[in-house]
Amino acid sequence: MTIADVSRKNGKATVDDFKRKGYSPILLVGDVSKSSDTKRIVRETMKEFGRIDVLFNNAGILVEGTVEEVSEKDWDKIMAINVKGVFLMAKEVVPIMLKQKGGVIVNTASCSGLVGDRNAIAYNTSKGAVVLMTKCLALDYARKNIRVNCVCPGEIDTPMFRQEARTRGMPVEEYRKELCEYHPIGRLGVPEEVASTVLFLASDDASFITGTAFSVDGGYTCQ
């Protein structure tokens, strides 16, 4: 298993967590928006393990604001990481999976890629692009034994959720209460609930599932 992260500190924390659970991942530091880094990440992974069976594209950032408020620089940054990063990693990994005669790709999109939100034009656009990229990849490689799906989380209790609260100048618990009202299930999700879905989509139990935008959103998008 390879953990790739732009932050060595955060990547090491993830690696240490896996090691405590009995796994032995390697850490590769890199920026998925740069083709030189994605090539190196894939090259070093192949050198270490000899194959890539599952690619999980989970890198992402949040930029809030309306079309008047989002700068061109921030627009380019979110598209580079949230969209181009998925494209570049798939571009490097798909040829390997073709040689192996199979593989699985799971992308992290968002419920914000399925519906519109106020004050989120850049983020929603980027996640909508991930949803459609997932469907296109799935169609292109369905007959090549490569399955491609994406998860579309609702509001999950992660550092990004806390970033949103800070951006709005709201106490975290006050913002949590507000967001819980948006989800019919009445609460935020937790990372493990998304991880379980990713694991399912990557497993043979999902062998007849491809091209799906799998909502893990407490009912947010069914309203």
C-alpha atoms as a PDB file:
ATOM      1  CA  MET A   1       0.000   0.000   0.000  1.00  0.00           C
ATOM      2  CA  THR A   2       1.200   3.510  -0.864  1.00  0.00           C
ATOM      3  CA  ILE A   3       0.061   6.642   0.959  1.00  0.00           C
ATOM      4  CA  ALA A   4       0.666   9.749  -1.164  1.00  0.00           C
ATOM      5  CA  ASP A   5       0.283  13.141   0.487  1.00  0.00           C
ATOM      6  CA  VAL A   6       1.451  16.667  -0.246  1.00  0.00           C
ATOM      7  CA  SER A   7       2.187  17.003   3.486  1.00  0.00           C
ATOM      8  CA  ARG A   8       4.875  14.765   4.953  1.00  0.00           C
ATOM      9  CA  LYS A   9       3.487  15.370   8.450  1.00  0.00           C
ATOM     10  CA  ASN A  10      -0.084  14.396   7.550  1.00  0.00           C
ATOM     11  CA  GLY A  11       1.094  11.512   5.417  1.00  0.00           C
ATOM     12  CA  LYS A  12       3.220  10.116   8.228  1.00  0.00           C
ATOM     13  CA  ALA A  13       0.236  10.322  10.605  1.00  0.00           C
ATOM     14  CA  THR A  14      -1.793   8.232   8.150  1.00  0.00           C
ATOM     15  CA  VAL A  15       1.025   5.724   7.705  1.00  0.00           C
ATOM     16  CA  ASP A  16       1.446   5.414  11.476  1.00  0.00           C
ATOM     17  CA  ASP A  17      -2.294   4.791  11.848  1.00  0.00           C
ATOM     18  CA  PHE A  18      -2.139   1.942   9.330  1.00  0.00           C
ATOM     19  CA  LYS A  19       0.934   0.474  11.016  1.00  0.00           C
ATOM     20  CA  ARG A  20      -0.893   0.365  14.340  1.00  0.00           C
ATOM     21  CA  LYS A  21      -3.510  -1.756  12.571  1.00  0.00           C
ATOM     22  CA  GLY A  22      -0.920  -4.204  11.282  1.00  0.00           C
ATOM     23  CA  TYR A  23      -0.294  -2.872   7.761  1.00  0.00           C
ATOM     24  CA  SER A  24       3.028  -1.772   6.245  1.00  0.00           C
ATOM     25  CA  PRO A  25       2.396   1.113   3.836  1.00  0.00           C
ATOM     26  CA  ILE A  26       5.025   3.356   2.310  1.00  0.00           C
ATOM     27  CA  LEU A  27       4.790   7.147   2.233  1.00  0.00           C
ATOM     28  CA  LEU A  28       5.440   9.148  -0.925  1.00  0.00           C
ATOM     29  CA  VAL A  29       5.271  12.928  -0.712  1.00  0.00           C
ATOM     30  CA  GLY A  30       3.965  14.672  -3.799  1.00  0.00           C
ATOM     31  CA  ASP A  31       1.481  17.054  -5.377  1.00  0.00           C
ATOM     32  CA  VAL A  32      -1.099  15.275  -7.542  1.00  0.00           C
ATOM     33  CA  SER A  33      -1.640  18.422  -9.602  1.00  0.00           C
ATOM     34  CA  LYS A  34       1.906  18.022 -11.019  1.00  0.00           C
ATOM     35  CA  SER A  35       2.494  15.345 -13.621  1.00  0.00           C
ATOM     36  CA  SER A  36       6.128  14.944 -12.554  1.00  0.00           C
ATOM     37  CA  ASP A  37       4.936  14.012  -9.062  1.00  0.00           C
ATOM     38  CA  THR A  38       2.192  11.631 -10.197  1.00  0.00           C
ATOM     39  CA  LYS A  39       4.658   9.859 -12.498  1.00  0.00           C
ATOM     40  CA  ARG A  40       7.137   9.501  -9.615  1.00  0.00           C
ATOM     41  CA  ILE A  41       4.464   8.277  -7.178  1.00  0.00           C
ATOM     42  CA  VAL A  42       3.307   5.590  -9.592  1.00  0.00           C
ATOM     43  CA  ARG A  43       6.853   4.648 -10.623  1.00  0.00           C
ATOM     44  CA  GLU A  44       8.015   4.210  -7.019  1.00  0.00           C
ATOM     45  CA  THR A  45       4.863   2.300  -6.111  1.00  0.00           C
ATOM     46  CA  MET A  46       5.470  -0.135  -8.958  1.00  0.00           C
ATOM     47  CA  LYS A  47       9.109  -0.498  -7.911  1.00  0.00           C
ATOM     48  CA  GLU A  48       8.016  -1.382  -4.380  1.00  0.00           C
ATOM     49  CA  PHE A  49       4.993  -3.585  -5.073  1.00  0.00           C
ATOM     50  CA  GLY A  50       5.124  -4.580  -8.736  1.00  0.00           C
ATOM     51  CA  ARG A  51       1.435  -3.885  -9.418  1.00  0.00           C
ATOM     52  CA  ILE A  52      -1.437  -1.500  -8.642  1.00  0.00           C
ATOM     53  CA  ASP A  53      -4.805  -3.106  -8.051  1.00  0.00           C
ATOM     54  CA  VAL A  54      -6.681  -0.160  -6.519  1.00  0.00           C
ATOM     55  CA  LEU A  55      -6.318   3.584  -7.002  1.00  0.00           C
ATOM     56  CA  PHE A  56      -8.153   5.764  -4.500  1.00  0.00           C
ATOM     57  CA  ASN A  57      -8.139   9.436  -5.528  1.00  0.00           C
ATOM     58  CA  ASN A  58      -8.909  11.315  -2.321  1.00  0.00           C
ATOM     59  CA  ALA A  59      -6.902  14.559  -2.549  1.00  0.00           C
ATOM     60  CA  GLY A  60      -9.074  17.663  -2.434  1.00  0.00           C
ATOM     61  CA  ILE A  61      -9.363  21.236  -1.216  1.00  0.00           C
ATOM     62  CA  LEU A  62     -12.235  23.615  -0.523  1.00  0.00           C
ATOM     63  CA  VAL A  63     -12.603  27.111  -1.964  1.00  0.00           C
ATOM     64  CA  GLU A  64     -15.772  28.988  -1.081  1.00  0.00           C
ATOM     65  CA  GLY A  65     -17.395  32.021  -2.681  1.00  0.00           C
ATOM     66  CA  THR A  66     -19.618  33.203  -5.509  1.00  0.00           C
ATOM     67  CA  VAL A  67     -18.407  33.831  -9.050  1.00  0.00           C
ATOM     68  CA  GLU A  68     -17.735  37.434  -8.024  1.00  0.00           C
ATOM     69  CA  GLU A  69     -15.686  36.440  -5.006  1.00  0.00           C
ATOM     70  CA  VAL A  70     -13.564  33.504  -6.187  1.00  0.00           C
ATOM     71  CA  SER A  71     -10.277  34.674  -7.672  1.00  0.00           C
ATOM     72  CA  GLU A  72      -8.879  33.224 -10.879  1.00  0.00           C
ATOM     73  CA  LYS A  73      -5.912  31.950  -8.848  1.00  0.00           C
ATOM     74  CA  ASP A  74      -8.153  30.064  -6.416  1.00  0.00           C
ATOM     75  CA  TRP A  75     -10.280  28.715  -9.273  1.00  0.00           C
ATOM     76  CA  ASP A  76      -7.184  27.342 -10.994  1.00  0.00           C
ATOM     77  CA  LYS A  77      -5.879  25.852  -7.722  1.00  0.00           C
ATOM     78  CA  ILE A  78      -9.050  23.936  -6.893  1.00  0.00           C
ATOM     79  CA  MET A  79      -9.390  22.646 -10.453  1.00  0.00           C
ATOM     80  CA  ALA A  80      -5.745  21.578 -10.456  1.00  0.00           C
ATOM     81  CA  ILE A  81      -6.056  19.510  -7.286  1.00  0.00           C
ATOM     82  CA  ASN A  82      -9.670  18.322  -7.325  1.00  0.00           C
ATOM     83  CA  VAL A  83      -9.957  17.616 -11.063  1.00  0.00           C
ATOM     84  CA  LYS A  84      -6.555  17.545 -12.749  1.00  0.00           C
ATOM     85  CA  GLY A  85      -5.145  15.446  -9.911  1.00  0.00           C
ATOM     86  CA  VAL A  86      -7.718  12.715 -10.539  1.00  0.00           C
ATOM     87  CA  PHE A  87      -7.010  12.871 -14.282  1.00  0.00           C
ATOM     88  CA  LEU A  88      -3.223  12.678 -13.870  1.00  0.00           C
ATOM     89  CA  MET A  89      -3.298   9.767 -11.427  1.00  0.00           C
ATOM     90  CA  ALA A  90      -5.704   7.830 -13.648  1.00  0.00           C
ATOM     91  CA  LYS A  91      -3.560   8.598 -16.671  1.00  0.00           C
ATOM     92  CA  GLU A  92      -0.558   6.957 -15.015  1.00  0.00           C
ATOM     93  CA  VAL A  93      -2.373   4.007 -13.443  1.00  0.00           C
ATOM     94  CA  VAL A  94      -4.779   2.908 -16.194  1.00  0.00           C
ATOM     95  CA  PRO A  95      -2.000   1.623 -18.527  1.00  0.00           C
ATOM     96  CA  ILE A  96      -0.692  -0.505 -15.643  1.00  0.00           C
ATOM     97  CA  MET A  97      -4.150  -1.912 -14.947  1.00  0.00           C
ATOM     98  CA  LEU A  98      -4.581  -2.680 -18.640  1.00  0.00           C
ATOM     99  CA  LYS A  99      -1.360  -4.712 -18.607  1.00  0.00           C
ATOM    100  CA  GLN A 100      -2.558  -6.485 -15.465  1.00  0.00           C
ATOM    101  CA  LYS A 101      -5.918  -7.091 -17.157  1.00  0.00           C
ATOM    102  CA  GLY A 102      -7.864  -5.466 -14.353  1.00  0.00           C
ATOM    103  CA  GLY A 103      -8.097  -2.991 -11.511  1.00  0.00           C
ATOM    104  CA  VAL A 104     -10.337  -0.629  -9.596  1.00  0.00           C
ATOM    105  CA  ILE A 105     -10.409   3.154  -9.331  1.00  0.00           C
ATOM    106  CA  VAL A 106     -12.427   4.951  -6.673  1.00  0.00           C
ATOM    107  CA  ASN A 107     -12.622   8.741  -6.750  1.00  0.00           C
ATOM    108  CA  THR A 108     -13.800  11.073  -4.022  1.00  0.00           C
ATOM    109  CA  ALA A 109     -16.441  13.409  -5.420  1.00  0.00           C
ATOM    110  CA  SER A 110     -19.100  14.956  -3.159  1.00  0.00           C
ATOM    111  CA  CYS A 111     -22.821  15.440  -2.789  1.00  0.00           C
ATOM    112  CA  SER A 112     -21.826  18.942  -3.916  1.00  0.00           C
ATOM    113  CA  GLY A 113     -21.010  17.407  -7.282  1.00  0.00           C
ATOM    114  CA  LEU A 114     -24.617  16.246  -7.641  1.00  0.00           C
ATOM    115  CA  VAL A 115     -26.549  19.363  -6.598  1.00  0.00           C
ATOM    116  CA  GLY A 116     -25.952  23.092  -6.494  1.00  0.00           C
ATOM    117  CA  ASP A 117     -24.984  24.994  -3.357  1.00  0.00           C
ATOM    118  CA  ARG A 118     -24.852  28.675  -2.588  1.00  0.00           C
ATOM    119  CA  ASN A 119     -21.436  30.266  -2.195  1.00  0.00           C
ATOM    120  CA  ALA A 120     -19.582  27.241  -3.592  1.00  0.00           C
ATOM    121  CA  ILE A 121     -19.252  27.647  -7.361  1.00  0.00           C
ATOM    122  CA  ALA A 122     -15.639  26.464  -7.573  1.00  0.00           C
ATOM    123  CA  TYR A 123     -15.948  23.491  -5.244  1.00  0.00           C
ATOM    124  CA  ASN A 124     -19.223  22.205  -6.702  1.00  0.00           C
ATOM    125  CA  THR A 125     -17.964  22.612 -10.249  1.00  0.00           C
ATOM    126  CA  SER A 126     -14.803  20.656  -9.432  1.00  0.00           C
ATOM    127  CA  LYS A 127     -16.723  17.816  -7.797  1.00  0.00           C
ATOM    128  CA  GLY A 128     -19.266  17.714 -10.617  1.00  0.00           C
ATOM    129  CA  ALA A 129     -16.322  17.252 -12.964  1.00  0.00           C
ATOM    130  CA  VAL A 130     -15.095  14.310 -10.883  1.00  0.00           C
ATOM    131  CA  VAL A 131     -18.515  12.654 -11.148  1.00  0.00           C
ATOM    132  CA  LEU A 132     -18.537  12.900 -14.942  1.00  0.00           C
ATOM    133  CA  MET A 133     -14.867  11.943 -15.257  1.00  0.00           C
ATOM    134  CA  THR A 134     -15.705   8.828 -13.253  1.00  0.00           C
ATOM    135  CA  LYS A 135     -18.538   7.924 -15.631  1.00  0.00           C
ATOM    136  CA  CYS A 136     -16.367   8.503 -18.708  1.00  0.00           C
ATOM    137  CA  LEU A 137     -13.528   6.380 -17.327  1.00  0.00           C
ATOM    138  CA  ALA A 138     -16.009   3.645 -16.436  1.00  0.00           C
ATOM    139  CA  LEU A 139     -17.380   3.551 -19.989  1.00  0.00           C
ATOM    140  CA  ASP A 140     -13.951   3.634 -21.613  1.00  0.00           C
ATOM    141  CA  TYR A 141     -12.630   0.669 -19.642  1.00  0.00           C
ATOM    142  CA  ALA A 142     -15.695  -1.392 -18.724  1.00  0.00           C
ATOM    143  CA  ARG A 143     -14.736  -4.104 -21.240  1.00  0.00           C
ATOM    144  CA  LYS A 144     -11.137  -4.057 -19.978  1.00  0.00           C
ATOM    145  CA  ASN A 145     -11.981  -5.256 -16.461  1.00  0.00           C
ATOM    146  CA  ILE A 146     -11.311  -1.868 -14.892  1.00  0.00           C
ATOM    147  CA  ARG A 147     -14.124  -0.608 -12.693  1.00  0.00           C
ATOM    148  CA  VAL A 148     -14.382   3.101 -11.847  1.00  0.00           C
ATOM    149  CA  ASN A 149     -16.744   4.580  -9.271  1.00  0.00           C
ATOM    150  CA  CYS A 150     -16.876   7.605  -7.028  1.00  0.00           C
ATOM    151  CA  VAL A 151     -18.156   8.289  -3.549  1.00  0.00           C
ATOM    152  CA  CYS A 152     -20.195  11.431  -2.936  1.00  0.00           C
ATOM    153  CA  PRO A 153     -20.037  12.250   0.778  1.00  0.00           C
ATOM    154  CA  GLY A 154     -22.291  14.697   2.512  1.00  0.00           C
ATOM    155  CA  GLU A 155     -20.924  16.790   5.360  1.00  0.00           C
ATOM    156  CA  ILE A 156     -18.363  14.645   7.170  1.00  0.00           C
ATOM    157  CA  ASP A 157     -16.763  15.459  10.512  1.00  0.00           C
ATOM    158  CA  THR A 158     -13.276  16.190   9.178  1.00  0.00           C
ATOM    159  CA  PRO A 159     -10.784  19.100   9.246  1.00  0.00           C
ATOM    160  CA  MET A 160     -12.476  20.463   6.103  1.00  0.00           C
ATOM    161  CA  PHE A 161     -15.732  20.794   8.055  1.00  0.00           C
ATOM    162  CA  ARG A 162     -13.885  22.785  10.718  1.00  0.00           C
ATOM    163  CA  GLN A 163     -12.311  24.942   8.007  1.00  0.00           C
ATOM    164  CA  GLU A 164     -15.792  25.802   6.748  1.00  0.00           C
ATOM    165  CA  ALA A 165     -16.814  26.860  10.259  1.00  0.00           C
ATOM    166  CA  ARG A 166     -13.759  29.121  10.571  1.00  0.00           C
ATOM    167  CA  THR A 167     -14.398  30.641   7.139  1.00  0.00           C
ATOM    168  CA  ARG A 168     -17.896  31.566   8.259  1.00  0.00           C
ATOM    169  CA  GLY A 169     -16.680  32.880  11.587  1.00  0.00           C
ATOM    170  CA  MET A 170     -18.879  30.395  13.443  1.00  0.00           C
ATOM    171  CA  PRO A 171     -18.123  28.219  16.477  1.00  0.00           C
ATOM    172  CA  VAL A 172     -17.650  24.624  15.340  1.00  0.00           C
ATOM    173  CA  GLU A 173     -20.535  23.264  17.416  1.00  0.00           C
ATOM    174  CA  GLU A 174     -22.918  25.957  16.211  1.00  0.00           C
ATOM    175  CA  TYR A 175     -21.985  25.181  12.615  1.00  0.00           C
ATOM    176  CA  ARG A 176     -22.336  21.457  13.299  1.00  0.00           C
ATOM    177  CA  LYS A 177     -25.884  21.983  14.575  1.00  0.00           C
ATOM    178  CA  GLU A 178     -26.773  24.005  11.471  1.00  0.00           C
ATOM    179  CA  LEU A 179     -25.419  21.354   9.099  1.00  0.00           C
ATOM    180  CA  CYS A 180     -27.135  18.517  10.934  1.00  0.00           C
ATOM    181  CA  GLU A 181     -30.437  20.142   9.990  1.00  0.00           C
ATOM    182  CA  TYR A 182     -29.502  19.875   6.297  1.00  0.00           C
ATOM    183  CA  HIS A 183     -29.178  16.089   6.487  1.00  0.00           C
ATOM    184  CA  PRO A 184     -32.449  14.141   6.876  1.00  0.00           C
ATOM    185  CA  ILE A 185     -30.634  11.595   9.019  1.00  0.00           C
ATOM    186  CA  GLY A 186     -30.047  14.391  11.531  1.00  0.00           C
ATOM    187  CA  ARG A 187     -26.275  14.277  11.983  1.00  0.00           C
ATOM    188  CA  LEU A 188     -22.933  14.589  10.220  1.00  0.00           C
ATOM    189  CA  GLY A 189     -21.169  11.580   8.831  1.00  0.00           C
ATOM    190  CA  VAL A 190     -17.891  10.212  10.161  1.00  0.00           C
ATOM    191  CA  PRO A 191     -14.843   9.293   8.042  1.00  0.00           C
ATOM    192  CA  GLU A 192     -15.251   5.575   8.728  1.00  0.00           C
ATOM    193  CA  GLU A 193     -18.646   5.582   6.989  1.00  0.00           C
ATOM    194  CA  VAL A 194     -17.093   6.909   3.796  1.00  0.00           C
ATOM    195  CA  ALA A 195     -14.097   4.587   4.126  1.00  0.00           C
ATOM    196  CA  SER A 196     -16.391   1.564   4.390  1.00  0.00           C
ATOM    197  CA  THR A 197     -18.080   2.547   1.136  1.00  0.00           C
ATOM    198  CA  VAL A 198     -14.732   3.004  -0.602  1.00  0.00           C
ATOM    199  CA  LEU A 199     -13.628  -0.406   0.635  1.00  0.00           C
ATOM    200  CA  PHE A 200     -16.835  -1.974  -0.689  1.00  0.00           C
ATOM    201  CA  LEU A 201     -16.459  -0.349  -4.113  1.00  0.00           C
ATOM    202  CA  ALA A 202     -12.845  -1.512  -4.286  1.00  0.00           C
ATOM    203  CA  SER A 203     -13.754  -5.077  -3.362  1.00  0.00           C
ATOM    204  CA  ASP A 204     -14.984  -8.022  -5.428  1.00  0.00           C
ATOM    205  CA  ASP A 205     -18.355  -7.625  -3.695  1.00  0.00           C
ATOM    206  CA  ALA A 206     -18.886  -4.662  -6.044  1.00  0.00           C
ATOM    207  CA  SER A 207     -17.865  -6.575  -9.170  1.00  0.00           C
ATOM    208  CA  PHE A 208     -21.006  -5.553 -11.093  1.00  0.00           C
ATOM    209  CA  ILE A 209     -20.797  -1.876 -10.124  1.00  0.00           C
ATOM    210  CA  THR A 210     -19.075   0.682 -12.337  1.00  0.00           C
ATOM    211  CA  GLY A 211     -19.738   4.288 -13.318  1.00  0.00           C
ATOM    212  CA  THR A 212     -21.673   4.953 -10.135  1.00  0.00           C
ATOM    213  CA  ALA A 213     -21.730   8.140  -8.053  1.00  0.00           C
ATOM    214  CA  PHE A 214     -22.362   6.524  -4.677  1.00  0.00           C
ATOM    215  CA  SER A 215     -23.985   8.954  -2.211  1.00  0.00           C
ATOM    216  CA  VAL A 216     -22.897   8.713   1.420  1.00  0.00           C
ATOM    217  CA  ASP A 217     -24.755  11.806   2.562  1.00  0.00           C
ATOM    218  CA  GLY A 218     -27.379  11.011   5.176  1.00  0.00           C
ATOM    219  CA  GLY A 219     -30.111  11.709   2.643  1.00  0.00           C
ATOM    220  CA  TYR A 220     -28.877  15.192   1.664  1.00  0.00           C
ATOM    221  CA  THR A 221     -29.323  14.733  -2.088  1.00  0.00           C
ATOM    222  CA  CYS A 222     -32.727  13.053  -1.902  1.00  0.00           C
ATOM    223  CA  GLN A 223     -34.443  16.271  -0.799  1.00  0.00           C
END
